[in-house]
């Protein structure tokens, strides 16, 4: 798995996950449960959004196009 985003909030990470999944890319938020239990610890490094290695380039392109 490759991290394609580190978000400032769980909501942002879940939104990006939804965007990627809507584009056909399987995405996960491995820090989702930790963000609920201990938000300050997770937010130090951001809430990660991860995709399979082979989808990294496509995921980064989708996320970049969504930020313009």
C-alpha atoms as a PDB file:
ATOM      1  CA  UNK A   1       0.000   0.000   0.000  1.00  0.00           C
ATOM      2  CA  UNK A   2       1.132   3.526  -0.802  1.00  0.00           C
ATOM      3  CA  UNK A   3       0.134   6.657   1.071  1.00  0.00           C
ATOM      4  CA  UNK A   4      -1.259   9.196  -1.396  1.00  0.00           C
ATOM      5  CA  UNK A   5      -2.472  11.771   1.124  1.00  0.00           C
ATOM      6  CA  UNK A   6      -2.022  12.773   4.754  1.00  0.00           C
ATOM      7  CA  UNK A   7      -5.024  14.815   5.843  1.00  0.00           C
ATOM      8  CA  UNK A   8      -5.594  17.268   8.667  1.00  0.00           C
ATOM      9  CA  UNK A   9      -8.861  15.611   9.666  1.00  0.00           C
ATOM     10  CA  UNK A  10     -10.612  12.288   9.488  1.00  0.00           C
ATOM     11  CA  UNK A  11     -13.448  13.880   7.521  1.00  0.00           C
ATOM     12  CA  UNK A  12     -11.036  15.070   4.840  1.00  0.00           C
ATOM     13  CA  UNK A  13      -9.427  11.622   4.610  1.00  0.00           C
ATOM     14  CA  UNK A  14     -12.817   9.933   4.255  1.00  0.00           C
ATOM     15  CA  UNK A  15     -13.797  12.421   1.547  1.00  0.00           C
ATOM     16  CA  UNK A  16     -10.650  11.637  -0.449  1.00  0.00           C
ATOM     17  CA  UNK A  17     -11.231   7.918   0.061  1.00  0.00           C
ATOM     18  CA  UNK A  18     -14.738   8.328  -1.346  1.00  0.00           C
ATOM     19  CA  UNK A  19     -13.419  10.315  -4.312  1.00  0.00           C
ATOM     20  CA  UNK A  20     -10.902   7.587  -5.129  1.00  0.00           C
ATOM     21  CA  UNK A  21     -13.409   4.776  -4.698  1.00  0.00           C
ATOM     22  CA  UNK A  22     -15.827   6.622  -6.966  1.00  0.00           C
ATOM     23  CA  UNK A  23     -13.073   6.570  -9.595  1.00  0.00           C
ATOM     24  CA  UNK A  24     -12.631   2.823  -9.244  1.00  0.00           C
ATOM     25  CA  UNK A  25      -9.580   2.827  -6.978  1.00  0.00           C
ATOM     26  CA  UNK A  26      -9.694   0.813  -3.761  1.00  0.00           C
ATOM     27  CA  UNK A  27      -8.640   3.175  -0.971  1.00  0.00           C
ATOM     28  CA  UNK A  28      -8.263   2.758   2.767  1.00  0.00           C
ATOM     29  CA  UNK A  29      -7.855   5.051   5.762  1.00  0.00           C
ATOM     30  CA  UNK A  30      -5.695   2.936   8.084  1.00  0.00           C
ATOM     31  CA  UNK A  31      -5.784   5.577  10.818  1.00  0.00           C
ATOM     32  CA  UNK A  32      -9.582   5.817  10.920  1.00  0.00           C
ATOM     33  CA  UNK A  33     -10.095   4.061  14.255  1.00  0.00           C
ATOM     34  CA  UNK A  34      -7.098   5.708  15.894  1.00  0.00           C
ATOM     35  CA  UNK A  35      -8.400   9.114  14.797  1.00  0.00           C
ATOM     36  CA  UNK A  36     -11.602   8.418  16.733  1.00  0.00           C
ATOM     37  CA  UNK A  37      -9.823   7.157  19.846  1.00  0.00           C
ATOM     38  CA  UNK A  38      -6.780   9.460  20.058  1.00  0.00           C
ATOM     39  CA  UNK A  39      -7.041  12.310  17.535  1.00  0.00           C
ATOM     40  CA  UNK A  40      -4.048  14.337  18.761  1.00  0.00           C
ATOM     41  CA  UNK A  41      -1.645  11.428  18.180  1.00  0.00           C
ATOM     42  CA  UNK A  42      -2.866  10.702  14.671  1.00  0.00           C
ATOM     43  CA  UNK A  43      -2.980  14.322  13.575  1.00  0.00           C
ATOM     44  CA  UNK A  44       0.726  14.806  14.244  1.00  0.00           C
ATOM     45  CA  UNK A  45       1.484  12.936  11.003  1.00  0.00           C
ATOM     46  CA  UNK A  46      -1.929  13.313   9.400  1.00  0.00           C
ATOM     47  CA  UNK A  47      -4.700  10.839   8.709  1.00  0.00           C
ATOM     48  CA  UNK A  48      -3.368   8.688   5.867  1.00  0.00           C
ATOM     49  CA  UNK A  49      -5.204   7.674   2.713  1.00  0.00           C
ATOM     50  CA  UNK A  50      -3.648   4.620   1.088  1.00  0.00           C
ATOM     51  CA  UNK A  51      -4.103   2.777  -2.195  1.00  0.00           C
ATOM     52  CA  UNK A  52      -2.598  -0.388  -3.699  1.00  0.00           C
ATOM     53  CA  UNK A  53       0.905   0.130  -5.126  1.00  0.00           C
ATOM     54  CA  UNK A  54      -0.256  -0.320  -8.720  1.00  0.00           C
ATOM     55  CA  UNK A  55      -2.887   2.443  -8.362  1.00  0.00           C
ATOM     56  CA  UNK A  56      -0.620   5.091  -6.852  1.00  0.00           C
ATOM     57  CA  UNK A  57      -0.027   7.136 -10.021  1.00  0.00           C
ATOM     58  CA  UNK A  58      -3.720   7.148 -10.978  1.00  0.00           C
ATOM     59  CA  UNK A  59      -4.758   8.059  -7.425  1.00  0.00           C
ATOM     60  CA  UNK A  60      -2.304  10.963  -7.278  1.00  0.00           C
ATOM     61  CA  UNK A  61      -3.590  12.238 -10.644  1.00  0.00           C
ATOM     62  CA  UNK A  62      -7.207  12.075  -9.432  1.00  0.00           C
ATOM     63  CA  UNK A  63      -6.372  13.879  -6.205  1.00  0.00           C
ATOM     64  CA  UNK A  64      -4.369  16.533  -8.049  1.00  0.00           C
ATOM     65  CA  UNK A  65      -7.204  17.196 -10.485  1.00  0.00           C
ATOM     66  CA  UNK A  66      -9.621  17.561  -7.579  1.00  0.00           C
ATOM     67  CA  UNK A  67      -7.482  20.267  -5.962  1.00  0.00           C
ATOM     68  CA  UNK A  68      -7.256  22.566  -8.985  1.00  0.00           C
END
